[in-house]
Amino acid sequence: MTIDKSLKVKRGMISSRGVLTRVERLVKLRDAERWSDGDPVIGLPKVRVIKMSLKKKKKTKEADAADDKKKGAPKKK
């Protein structure tokens, strides 16, 4: 059976995971000083996962002029 195109996950959308592994949780808890080396590994407190969204950079006039020269387009007035 094949997967419908609308259900496929594109590669760029997988950038952030909602679940951390135990080792990643331990590192975050250790950095926040909520866990030390002697503490039990089972029953760890929850750790919030911060999702980052990247914004597109705004182009400046200089960048637009450089792009136009590369493409060979006429200059803007």
Foldseek 3Di string as FASTA:
>chain_A
DDDDPVPDDDPVVPPDDADDDLVVLVVVCVVVVNDDPVDDSPPDDDDGGDDDDDDDDDDDPVNVVVVCVVVVHDDDD
